[in-house]
């Protein structure tokens, strides 16, 4: 199962479905994963803002694959504003800017 990592609520929702089908308690899962029961509880309730090691550990155990959301760069105001300021409008300059952006991505 793939879940967007930027959304703790969706992760928690998927984990609740998974956990409902388990016969193990939070304590047993925590022991198996070498976590505290409180860590497991917070992950299952979506009480986190970052993807930490406990979040990844519980998700891996539940076979939930965390993926990054694909964001359309055209919707990012900072990127579009920088491009507007940097680009002179020509095709040759567009090619140069594209090469720089691709190089930065590597």
PDB file of N, CA and C in Angstrom:
ATOM      1  N   UNK A   1       0.851  -1.172   0.000  1.00  0.00           N
ATOM      2  CA  UNK A   1       0.000   0.000   0.000  1.00  0.00           C
ATOM      3  C   UNK A   1       0.897   1.236   0.000  1.00  0.00           C
ATOM      4  N   UNK A   2       0.620   2.228  -0.841  1.00  0.00           N
ATOM      5  CA  UNK A   2       1.397   3.453  -0.918  1.00  0.00           C
ATOM      6  C   UNK A   2       0.623   4.599  -0.282  1.00  0.00           C
ATOM      7  N   UNK A   3       1.294   5.348   0.573  1.00  0.00           N
ATOM      8  CA  UNK A   3       0.682   6.472   1.264  1.00  0.00           C
ATOM      9  C   UNK A   3       1.606   7.671   1.125  1.00  0.00           C
ATOM     10  N   UNK A   4       1.038   8.832   0.922  1.00  0.00           N
ATOM     11  CA  UNK A   4       1.818  10.063   0.823  1.00  0.00           C
ATOM     12  C   UNK A   4       2.437  10.386   2.180  1.00  0.00           C
ATOM     13  N   UNK A   5       3.759  10.594   2.233  1.00  0.00           N
ATOM     14  CA  UNK A   5       4.406  10.814   3.518  1.00  0.00           C
ATOM     15  C   UNK A   5       4.127  12.180   4.111  1.00  0.00           C
ATOM     16  N   UNK A   6       3.634  13.121   3.330  1.00  0.00           N
ATOM     17  CA  UNK A   6       3.360  14.433   3.880  1.00  0.00           C
ATOM     18  C   UNK A   6       2.027  14.495   4.601  1.00  0.00           C
ATOM     19  N   UNK A   7       1.344  13.393   4.726  1.00  0.00           N
ATOM     20  CA  UNK A   7       0.024  13.403   5.320  1.00  0.00           C
ATOM     21  C   UNK A   7      -0.084  12.390   6.455  1.00  0.00           C
ATOM     22  N   UNK A   8       0.242  12.804   7.688  1.00  0.00           N
ATOM     23  CA  UNK A   8       0.160  11.880   8.820  1.00  0.00           C
ATOM     24  C   UNK A   8      -1.233  11.293   9.024  1.00  0.00           C
ATOM     25  N   UNK A   9      -2.271  12.057   8.682  1.00  0.00           N
ATOM     26  CA  UNK A   9      -3.637  11.561   8.860  1.00  0.00           C
ATOM     27  C   UNK A   9      -3.907  10.343   7.973  1.00  0.00           C
ATOM     28  N   UNK A  10      -3.408  10.401   6.724  1.00  0.00           N
ATOM     29  CA  UNK A  10      -3.593   9.274   5.812  1.00  0.00           C
ATOM     30  C   UNK A  10      -2.775   8.063   6.258  1.00  0.00           C
ATOM     31  N   UNK A  11      -1.588   8.332   6.759  1.00  0.00           N
ATOM     32  CA  UNK A  11      -0.752   7.240   7.273  1.00  0.00           C
ATOM     33  C   UNK A  11      -1.453   6.584   8.445  1.00  0.00           C
ATOM     34  N   UNK A  12      -1.951   7.408   9.378  1.00  0.00           N
ATOM     35  CA  UNK A  12      -2.650   6.878  10.555  1.00  0.00           C
ATOM     36  C   UNK A  12      -3.898   6.095  10.148  1.00  0.00           C
ATOM     37  N   UNK A  13      -4.619   6.596   9.158  1.00  0.00           N
ATOM     38  CA  UNK A  13      -5.830   5.919   8.678  1.00  0.00           C
ATOM     39  C   UNK A  13      -5.490   4.525   8.157  1.00  0.00           C
ATOM     40  N   UNK A  14      -4.435   4.440   7.348  1.00  0.00           N
ATOM     41  CA  UNK A  14      -4.013   3.146   6.805  1.00  0.00           C
ATOM     42  C   UNK A  14      -3.534   2.218   7.916  1.00  0.00           C
ATOM     43  N   UNK A  15      -2.820   2.774   8.880  1.00  0.00           N
ATOM     44  CA  UNK A  15      -2.334   1.953   9.998  1.00  0.00           C
ATOM     45  C   UNK A  15      -3.479   1.455  10.870  1.00  0.00           C
ATOM     46  N   UNK A  16      -4.512   2.272  11.050  1.00  0.00           N
ATOM     47  CA  UNK A  16      -5.662   1.838  11.846  1.00  0.00           C
ATOM     48  C   UNK A  16      -6.364   0.661  11.181  1.00  0.00           C
ATOM     49  N   UNK A  17      -6.487   0.704   9.861  1.00  0.00           N
ATOM     50  CA  UNK A  17      -7.083  -0.421   9.133  1.00  0.00           C
ATOM     51  C   UNK A  17      -6.229  -1.664   9.328  1.00  0.00           C
ATOM     52  N   UNK A  18      -4.921  -1.482   9.184  1.00  0.00           N
ATOM     53  CA  UNK A  18      -4.008  -2.618   9.364  1.00  0.00           C
ATOM     54  C   UNK A  18      -4.081  -3.150  10.793  1.00  0.00           C
ATOM     55  N   UNK A  19      -4.037  -2.211  11.783  1.00  0.00           N
ATOM     56  CA  UNK A  19      -3.992  -2.613  13.191  1.00  0.00           C
ATOM     57  C   UNK A  19      -5.275  -3.318  13.610  1.00  0.00           C
ATOM     58  N   UNK A  20      -6.398  -2.924  13.029  1.00  0.00           N
ATOM     59  CA  UNK A  20      -7.677  -3.550  13.374  1.00  0.00           C
ATOM     60  C   UNK A  20      -7.692  -5.031  13.017  1.00  0.00           C
ATOM     61  N   UNK A  21      -6.882  -5.421  12.053  1.00  0.00           N
ATOM     62  CA  UNK A  21      -6.829  -6.821  11.629  1.00  0.00           C
ATOM     63  C   UNK A  21      -5.740  -7.622  12.331  1.00  0.00           C
ATOM     64  N   UNK A  22      -5.064  -7.004  13.285  1.00  0.00           N
ATOM     65  CA  UNK A  22      -3.983  -7.675  14.004  1.00  0.00           C
ATOM     66  C   UNK A  22      -4.478  -8.208  15.333  1.00  0.00           C
ATOM     67  N   UNK A  23      -3.916  -9.303  15.744  1.00  0.00           N
ATOM     68  CA  UNK A  23      -4.263  -9.843  17.056  1.00  0.00           C
ATOM     69  C   UNK A  23      -3.265  -9.384  18.122  1.00  0.00           C
ATOM     70  N   UNK A  24      -2.240  -8.661  17.703  1.00  0.00           N
ATOM     71  CA  UNK A  24      -1.225  -8.180  18.631  1.00  0.00           C
ATOM     72  C   UNK A  24      -1.644  -6.856  19.265  1.00  0.00           C
ATOM     73  N   UNK A  25      -1.251  -6.676  20.505  1.00  0.00           N
ATOM     74  CA  UNK A  25      -1.488  -5.399  21.182  1.00  0.00           C
ATOM     75  C   UNK A  25      -0.407  -4.407  20.782  1.00  0.00           C
ATOM     76  N   UNK A  26      -0.641  -3.146  21.106  1.00  0.00           N
ATOM     77  CA  UNK A  26       0.387  -2.127  20.864  1.00  0.00           C
ATOM     78  C   UNK A  26       1.662  -2.479  21.606  1.00  0.00           C
ATOM     79  N   UNK A  27       1.516  -3.002  22.821  1.00  0.00           N
ATOM     80  CA  UNK A  27       2.687  -3.373  23.613  1.00  0.00           C
ATOM     81  C   UNK A  27       3.494  -4.470  22.939  1.00  0.00           C
ATOM     82  N   UNK A  28       2.796  -5.459  22.392  1.00  0.00           N
ATOM     83  CA  UNK A  28       3.484  -6.568  21.721  1.00  0.00           C
ATOM     84  C   UNK A  28       4.189  -6.084  20.457  1.00  0.00           C
ATOM     85  N   UNK A  29       3.527  -5.219  19.716  1.00  0.00           N
ATOM     86  CA  UNK A  29       4.143  -4.669  18.506  1.00  0.00           C
ATOM     87  C   UNK A  29       5.351  -3.830  18.881  1.00  0.00           C
ATOM     88  N   UNK A  30       5.215  -3.019  19.928  1.00  0.00           N
ATOM     89  CA  UNK A  30       6.332  -2.188  20.386  1.00  0.00           C
ATOM     90  C   UNK A  30       7.523  -3.061  20.769  1.00  0.00           C
ATOM     91  N   UNK A  31       7.271  -4.135  21.499  1.00  0.00           N
ATOM     92  CA  UNK A  31       8.356  -5.046  21.882  1.00  0.00           C
ATOM     93  C   UNK A  31       9.011  -5.665  20.653  1.00  0.00           C
ATOM     94  N   UNK A  32       8.203  -6.118  19.712  1.00  0.00           N
ATOM     95  CA  UNK A  32       8.722  -6.750  18.503  1.00  0.00           C
ATOM     96  C   UNK A  32       9.584  -5.775  17.700  1.00  0.00           C
ATOM     97  N   UNK A  33       9.172  -4.486  17.672  1.00  0.00           N
ATOM     98  CA  UNK A  33       9.870  -3.484  16.874  1.00  0.00           C
ATOM     99  C   UNK A  33      10.929  -2.716  17.664  1.00  0.00           C
ATOM    100  N   UNK A  34      11.083  -3.076  18.934  1.00  0.00           N
ATOM    101  CA  UNK A  34      12.027  -2.407  19.831  1.00  0.00           C
ATOM    102  C   UNK A  34      11.738  -0.909  19.932  1.00  0.00           C
ATOM    103  N   UNK A  35      10.447  -0.594  20.112  1.00  0.00           N
ATOM    104  CA  UNK A  35       9.982   0.770  20.326  1.00  0.00           C
ATOM    105  C   UNK A  35       9.247   0.823  21.652  1.00  0.00           C
ATOM    106  N   UNK A  36       8.965   2.023  22.112  1.00  0.00           N
ATOM    107  CA  UNK A  36       8.116   2.185  23.279  1.00  0.00           C
ATOM    108  C   UNK A  36       6.664   2.087  22.838  1.00  0.00           C
ATOM    109  N   UNK A  37       5.797   1.612  23.738  1.00  0.00           N
ATOM    110  CA  UNK A  37       4.381   1.534  23.409  1.00  0.00           C
ATOM    111  C   UNK A  37       3.839   2.914  23.080  1.00  0.00           C
ATOM    112  N   UNK A  38       4.337   3.957  23.763  1.00  0.00           N
ATOM    113  CA  UNK A  38       3.856   5.316  23.498  1.00  0.00           C
ATOM    114  C   UNK A  38       4.223   5.762  22.078  1.00  0.00           C
ATOM    115  N   UNK A  39       5.387   5.324  21.579  1.00  0.00           N
ATOM    116  CA  UNK A  39       5.770   5.653  20.210  1.00  0.00           C
ATOM    117  C   UNK A  39       4.813   4.996  19.213  1.00  0.00           C
ATOM    118  N   UNK A  40       4.514   3.739  19.444  1.00  0.00           N
ATOM    119  CA  UNK A  40       3.587   3.020  18.570  1.00  0.00           C
ATOM    120  C   UNK A  40       2.218   3.690  18.609  1.00  0.00           C
ATOM    121  N   UNK A  41       1.774   4.061  19.785  1.00  0.00           N
ATOM    122  CA  UNK A  41       0.475   4.714  19.938  1.00  0.00           C
ATOM    123  C   UNK A  41       0.420   6.032  19.173  1.00  0.00           C
ATOM    124  N   UNK A  42       1.474   6.842  19.289  1.00  0.00           N
ATOM    125  CA  UNK A  42       1.508   8.127  18.574  1.00  0.00           C
ATOM    126  C   UNK A  42       1.482   7.919  17.065  1.00  0.00           C
ATOM    127  N   UNK A  43       2.223   6.929  16.586  1.00  0.00           N
ATOM    128  CA  UNK A  43       2.242   6.669  15.140  1.00  0.00           C
ATOM    129  C   UNK A  43       0.856   6.219  14.683  1.00  0.00           C
ATOM    130  N   UNK A  44       0.242   5.307  15.423  1.00  0.00           N
ATOM    131  CA  UNK A  44      -1.070   4.798  15.031  1.00  0.00           C
ATOM    132  C   UNK A  44      -2.148   5.876  15.065  1.00  0.00           C
ATOM    133  N   UNK A  45      -1.971   6.880  15.922  1.00  0.00           N
ATOM    134  CA  UNK A  45      -2.977   7.940  16.020  1.00  0.00           C
ATOM    135  C   UNK A  45      -2.692   9.105  15.075  1.00  0.00           C
ATOM    136  N   UNK A  46      -1.548   9.066  14.393  1.00  0.00           N
ATOM    137  CA  UNK A  46      -1.193  10.160  13.486  1.00  0.00           C
ATOM    138  C   UNK A  46      -0.653  11.367  14.219  1.00  0.00           C
ATOM    139  N   UNK A  47      -0.209  11.166  15.461  1.00  0.00           N
ATOM    140  CA  UNK A  47       0.306  12.257  16.291  1.00  0.00           C
ATOM    141  C   UNK A  47       1.790  12.470  16.021  1.00  0.00           C
ATOM    142  N   UNK A  48       2.093  12.879  14.795  1.00  0.00           N
ATOM    143  CA  UNK A  48       3.473  13.185  14.408  1.00  0.00           C
ATOM    144  C   UNK A  48       3.431  14.165  13.248  1.00  0.00           C
ATOM    145  N   UNK A  49       4.510  14.922  13.103  1.00  0.00           N
ATOM    146  CA  UNK A  49       4.559  15.888  12.006  1.00  0.00           C
ATOM    147  C   UNK A  49       5.669  15.563  11.011  1.00  0.00           C
ATOM    148  N   UNK A  50       6.621  14.712  11.429  1.00  0.00           N
ATOM    149  CA  UNK A  50       7.729  14.319  10.554  1.00  0.00           C
ATOM    150  C   UNK A  50       7.764  12.805  10.467  1.00  0.00           C
ATOM    151  N   UNK A  51       8.378  12.322   9.409  1.00  0.00           N
ATOM    152  CA  UNK A  51       8.553  10.877   9.258  1.00  0.00           C
ATOM    153  C   UNK A  51       9.836  10.498   9.987  1.00  0.00           C
ATOM    154  N   UNK A  52       9.664  10.018  11.208  1.00  0.00           N
ATOM    155  CA  UNK A  52      10.785   9.640  12.055  1.00  0.00           C
ATOM    156  C   UNK A  52      11.043   8.134  11.937  1.00  0.00           C
ATOM    157  N   UNK A  53      12.088   7.691  12.604  1.00  0.00           N
ATOM    158  CA  UNK A  53      12.407   6.262  12.570  1.00  0.00           C
ATOM    159  C   UNK A  53      11.243   5.416  13.099  1.00  0.00           C
ATOM    160  N   UNK A  54      10.602   5.782  14.223  1.00  0.00           N
ATOM    161  CA  UNK A  54       9.456   4.977  14.668  1.00  0.00           C
ATOM    162  C   UNK A  54       8.317   4.918  13.638  1.00  0.00           C
ATOM    163  N   UNK A  55       8.060   6.027  12.956  1.00  0.00           N
ATOM    164  CA  UNK A  55       7.007   6.039  11.924  1.00  0.00           C
ATOM    165  C   UNK A  55       7.379   5.068  10.813  1.00  0.00           C
ATOM    166  N   UNK A  56       8.621   5.154  10.339  1.00  0.00           N
ATOM    167  CA  UNK A  56       9.064   4.242   9.276  1.00  0.00           C
ATOM    168  C   UNK A  56       9.028   2.784   9.741  1.00  0.00           C
ATOM    169  N   UNK A  57       9.451   2.553  10.968  1.00  0.00           N
ATOM    170  CA  UNK A  57       9.491   1.187  11.502  1.00  0.00           C
ATOM    171  C   UNK A  57       8.098   0.575  11.551  1.00  0.00           C
ATOM    172  N   UNK A  58       7.131   1.324  12.081  1.00  0.00           N
ATOM    173  CA  UNK A  58       5.760   0.814  12.169  1.00  0.00           C
ATOM    174  C   UNK A  58       5.178   0.619  10.769  1.00  0.00           C
ATOM    175  N   UNK A  59       5.408   1.568   9.879  1.00  0.00           N
ATOM    176  CA  UNK A  59       4.894   1.441   8.514  1.00  0.00           C
ATOM    177  C   UNK A  59       5.512   0.252   7.793  1.00  0.00           C
ATOM    178  N   UNK A  60       6.802   0.053   7.957  1.00  0.00           N
ATOM    179  CA  UNK A  60       7.455  -1.111   7.348  1.00  0.00           C
ATOM    180  C   UNK A  60       6.851  -2.408   7.878  1.00  0.00           C
ATOM    181  N   UNK A  61       6.613  -2.463   9.183  1.00  0.00           N
ATOM    182  CA  UNK A  61       6.027  -3.648   9.803  1.00  0.00           C
ATOM    183  C   UNK A  61       4.629  -3.920   9.235  1.00  0.00           C
ATOM    184  N   UNK A  62       3.887  -2.846   8.982  1.00  0.00           N
ATOM    185  CA  UNK A  62       2.529  -2.972   8.448  1.00  0.00           C
ATOM    186  C   UNK A  62       2.518  -3.107   6.926  1.00  0.00           C
ATOM    187  N   UNK A  63       3.706  -3.148   6.330  1.00  0.00           N
ATOM    188  CA  UNK A  63       3.857  -3.244   4.868  1.00  0.00           C
ATOM    189  C   UNK A  63       3.187  -2.068   4.156  1.00  0.00           C
ATOM    190  N   UNK A  64       3.320  -0.889   4.747  1.00  0.00           N
ATOM    191  CA  UNK A  64       2.834   0.339   4.138  1.00  0.00           C
ATOM    192  C   UNK A  64       4.044   1.087   3.620  1.00  0.00           C
ATOM    193  N   UNK A  65       4.096   1.259   2.313  1.00  0.00           N
ATOM    194  CA  UNK A  65       5.228   1.931   1.681  1.00  0.00           C
ATOM    195  C   UNK A  65       4.964   3.435   1.669  1.00  0.00           C
ATOM    196  N   UNK A  66       5.894   4.184   2.198  1.00  0.00           N
ATOM    197  CA  UNK A  66       5.770   5.630   2.235  1.00  0.00           C
ATOM    198  C   UNK A  66       6.382   6.218   0.976  1.00  0.00           C
ATOM    199  N   UNK A  67       5.632   7.044   0.285  1.00  0.00           N
ATOM    200  CA  UNK A  67       6.127   7.672  -0.929  1.00  0.00           C
ATOM    201  C   UNK A  67       5.961   9.173  -0.819  1.00  0.00           C
ATOM    202  N   UNK A  68       6.804   9.898  -1.515  1.00  0.00           N
ATOM    203  CA  UNK A  68       6.680  11.344  -1.551  1.00  0.00           C
ATOM    204  C   UNK A  68       5.625  11.725  -2.580  1.00  0.00           C
ATOM    205  N   UNK A  69       4.871  12.737  -2.234  1.00  0.00           N
ATOM    206  CA  UNK A  69       3.857  13.230  -3.164  1.00  0.00           C
ATOM    207  C   UNK A  69       4.532  13.900  -4.347  1.00  0.00           C
ATOM    208  N   UNK A  70       3.967  13.721  -5.499  1.00  0.00           N
ATOM    209  CA  UNK A  70       4.459  14.403  -6.681  1.00  0.00           C
ATOM    210  C   UNK A  70       3.759  15.754  -6.761  1.00  0.00           C
ATOM    211  N   UNK A  71       4.533  16.803  -6.756  1.00  0.00           N
ATOM    212  CA  UNK A  71       3.990  18.150  -6.783  1.00  0.00           C
ATOM    213  C   UNK A  71       4.292  18.773  -8.145  1.00  0.00           C
ATOM    214  N   UNK A  72       3.315  19.410  -8.718  1.00  0.00           N
ATOM    215  CA  UNK A  72       3.502  20.090  -9.997  1.00  0.00           C
ATOM    216  C   UNK A  72       4.324  21.343  -9.745  1.00  0.00           C
ATOM    217  N   UNK A  73       5.529  21.462 -10.315  1.00  0.00           N
ATOM    218  CA  UNK A  73       6.373  22.621 -10.040  1.00  0.00           C
ATOM    219  C   UNK A  73       5.735  23.938 -10.478  1.00  0.00           C
ATOM    220  N   UNK A  74       4.813  23.878 -11.423  1.00  0.00           N
ATOM    221  CA  UNK A  74       4.144  25.102 -11.872  1.00  0.00           C
ATOM    222  C   UNK A  74       3.294  25.725 -10.771  1.00  0.00           C
ATOM    223  N   UNK A  75       2.968  24.944  -9.744  1.00  0.00           N
ATOM    224  CA  UNK A  75       2.153  25.479  -8.647  1.00  0.00           C
ATOM    225  C   UNK A  75       3.005  26.076  -7.528  1.00  0.00           C
ATOM    226  N   UNK A  76       4.327  25.983  -7.649  1.00  0.00           N
ATOM    227  CA  UNK A  76       5.214  26.534  -6.624  1.00  0.00           C
ATOM    228  C   UNK A  76       5.559  27.982  -6.983  1.00  0.00           C
ATOM    229  N   UNK A  77       5.007  28.904  -6.203  1.00  0.00           N
ATOM    230  CA  UNK A  77       5.182  30.324  -6.501  1.00  0.00           C
ATOM    231  C   UNK A  77       6.639  30.769  -6.465  1.00  0.00           C
ATOM    232  N   UNK A  78       7.420  30.237  -5.527  1.00  0.00           N
ATOM    233  CA  UNK A  78       8.825  30.621  -5.405  1.00  0.00           C
ATOM    234  C   UNK A  78       9.615  30.237  -6.655  1.00  0.00           C
ATOM    235  N   UNK A  79       9.395  29.029  -7.134  1.00  0.00           N
ATOM    236  CA  UNK A  79      10.103  28.574  -8.331  1.00  0.00           C
ATOM    237  C   UNK A  79       9.681  29.397  -9.546  1.00  0.00           C
ATOM    238  N   UNK A  80       8.394  29.588  -9.703  1.00  0.00           N
ATOM    239  CA  UNK A  80       7.907  30.321 -10.870  1.00  0.00           C
ATOM    240  C   UNK A  80       8.354  31.788 -10.831  1.00  0.00           C
ATOM    241  N   UNK A  81       8.401  32.389  -9.666  1.00  0.00           N
ATOM    242  CA  UNK A  81       8.856  33.772  -9.538  1.00  0.00           C
ATOM    243  C   UNK A  81      10.339  33.886  -9.893  1.00  0.00           C
ATOM    244  N   UNK A  82      11.142  32.939  -9.406  1.00  0.00           N
ATOM    245  CA  UNK A  82      12.577  32.949  -9.713  1.00  0.00           C
ATOM    246  C   UNK A  82      12.805  32.755 -11.208  1.00  0.00           C
ATOM    247  N   UNK A  83      12.055  31.860 -11.810  1.00  0.00           N
ATOM    248  CA  UNK A  83      12.181  31.626 -13.245  1.00  0.00           C
ATOM    249  C   UNK A  83      11.802  32.879 -14.038  1.00  0.00           C
ATOM    250  N   UNK A  84      10.738  33.523 -13.613  1.00  0.00           N
ATOM    251  CA  UNK A  84      10.294  34.748 -14.285  1.00  0.00           C
ATOM    252  C   UNK A  84      11.364  35.843 -14.215  1.00  0.00           C
ATOM    253  N   UNK A  85      12.027  35.955 -13.067  1.00  0.00           N
ATOM    254  CA  UNK A  85      13.069  36.979 -12.890  1.00  0.00           C
ATOM    255  C   UNK A  85      14.337  36.638 -13.675  1.00  0.00           C
ATOM    256  N   UNK A  86      14.653  35.337 -13.785  1.00  0.00           N
ATOM    257  CA  UNK A  86      15.920  34.921 -14.391  1.00  0.00           C
ATOM    258  C   UNK A  86      15.863  34.796 -15.910  1.00  0.00           C
ATOM    259  N   UNK A  87      14.731  34.449 -16.459  1.00  0.00           N
ATOM    260  CA  UNK A  87      14.634  34.118 -17.882  1.00  0.00           C
ATOM    261  C   UNK A  87      14.424  35.369 -18.730  1.00  0.00           C
ATOM    262  N   UNK A  88      15.180  35.486 -19.818  1.00  0.00           N
ATOM    263  CA  UNK A  88      15.037  36.649 -20.713  1.00  0.00           C
ATOM    264  C   UNK A  88      13.974  36.431 -21.797  1.00  0.00           C
ATOM    265  N   UNK A  89      13.360  35.255 -21.833  1.00  0.00           N
ATOM    266  CA  UNK A  89      12.290  34.980 -22.783  1.00  0.00           C
ATOM    267  C   UNK A  89      12.721  34.262 -24.041  1.00  0.00           C
ATOM    268  N   UNK A  90      14.017  34.096 -24.241  1.00  0.00           N
ATOM    269  CA  UNK A  90      14.490  33.440 -25.462  1.00  0.00           C
ATOM    270  C   UNK A  90      14.593  31.924 -25.272  1.00  0.00           C
ATOM    271  N   UNK A  91      14.546  31.221 -26.413  1.00  0.00           N
ATOM    272  CA  UNK A  91      14.695  29.764 -26.376  1.00  0.00           C
ATOM    273  C   UNK A  91      16.082  29.355 -25.896  1.00  0.00           C
ATOM    274  N   UNK A  92      17.105  30.089 -26.349  1.00  0.00           N
ATOM    275  CA  UNK A  92      18.472  29.720 -25.954  1.00  0.00           C
ATOM    276  C   UNK A  92      18.660  29.897 -24.442  1.00  0.00           C
ATOM    277  N   UNK A  93      18.081  30.942 -23.894  1.00  0.00           N
ATOM    278  CA  UNK A  93      18.196  31.164 -22.457  1.00  0.00           C
ATOM    279  C   UNK A  93      17.376  30.120 -21.691  1.00  0.00           C
ATOM    280  N   UNK A  94      16.248  29.714 -22.237  1.00  0.00           N
ATOM    281  CA  UNK A  94      15.436  28.658 -21.622  1.00  0.00           C
ATOM    282  C   UNK A  94      16.232  27.358 -21.548  1.00  0.00           C
ATOM    283  N   UNK A  95      16.958  27.052 -22.620  1.00  0.00           N
ATOM    284  CA  UNK A  95      17.793  25.844 -22.632  1.00  0.00           C
ATOM    285  C   UNK A  95      18.883  25.910 -21.575  1.00  0.00           C
ATOM    286  N   UNK A  96      19.521  27.073 -21.419  1.00  0.00           N
ATOM    287  CA  UNK A  96      20.567  27.234 -20.398  1.00  0.00           C
ATOM    288  C   UNK A  96      19.999  27.064 -18.995  1.00  0.00           C
ATOM    289  N   UNK A  97      18.873  27.715 -18.731  1.00  0.00           N
ATOM    290  CA  UNK A  97      18.244  27.602 -17.406  1.00  0.00           C
ATOM    291  C   UNK A  97      17.847  26.156 -17.133  1.00  0.00           C
ATOM    292  N   UNK A  98      17.309  25.480 -18.128  1.00  0.00           N
ATOM    293  CA  UNK A  98      16.920  24.080 -17.970  1.00  0.00           C
ATOM    294  C   UNK A  98      18.135  23.217 -17.616  1.00  0.00           C
ATOM    295  N   UNK A  99      19.257  23.449 -18.279  1.00  0.00           N
ATOM    296  CA  UNK A  99      20.474  22.679 -17.993  1.00  0.00           C
ATOM    297  C   UNK A  99      20.946  22.913 -16.551  1.00  0.00           C
ATOM    298  N   UNK A 100      20.893  24.170 -16.108  1.00  0.00           N
ATOM    299  CA  UNK A 100      21.299  24.484 -14.733  1.00  0.00           C
ATOM    300  C   UNK A 100      20.389  23.791 -13.737  1.00  0.00           C
ATOM    301  N   UNK A 101      19.080  23.840 -13.965  1.00  0.00           N
ATOM    302  CA  UNK A 101      18.124  23.213 -13.041  1.00  0.00           C
ATOM    303  C   UNK A 101      18.347  21.700 -12.993  1.00  0.00           C
ATOM    304  N   UNK A 102      18.528  21.092 -14.141  1.00  0.00           N
ATOM    305  CA  UNK A 102      18.767  19.653 -14.180  1.00  0.00           C
ATOM    306  C   UNK A 102      20.058  19.297 -13.463  1.00  0.00           C
ATOM    307  N   UNK A 103      21.110  20.105 -13.643  1.00  0.00           N
ATOM    308  CA  UNK A 103      22.388  19.863 -12.958  1.00  0.00           C
ATOM    309  C   UNK A 103      22.221  19.980 -11.444  1.00  0.00           C
ATOM    310  N   UNK A 104      21.433  20.945 -10.989  1.00  0.00           N
ATOM    311  CA  UNK A 104      21.194  21.106  -9.560  1.00  0.00           C
ATOM    312  C   UNK A 104      20.445  19.910  -8.982  1.00  0.00           C
ATOM    313  N   UNK A 105      19.570  19.349  -9.776  1.00  0.00           N
ATOM    314  CA  UNK A 105      18.804  18.193  -9.329  1.00  0.00           C
ATOM    315  C   UNK A 105      19.645  16.948  -9.131  1.00  0.00           C
ATOM    316  N   UNK A 106      20.769  16.892  -9.824  1.00  0.00           N
ATOM    317  CA  UNK A 106      21.652  15.734  -9.709  1.00  0.00           C
ATOM    318  C   UNK A 106      22.527  15.903  -8.511  1.00  0.00           C
TER     319      UNK A 106
END
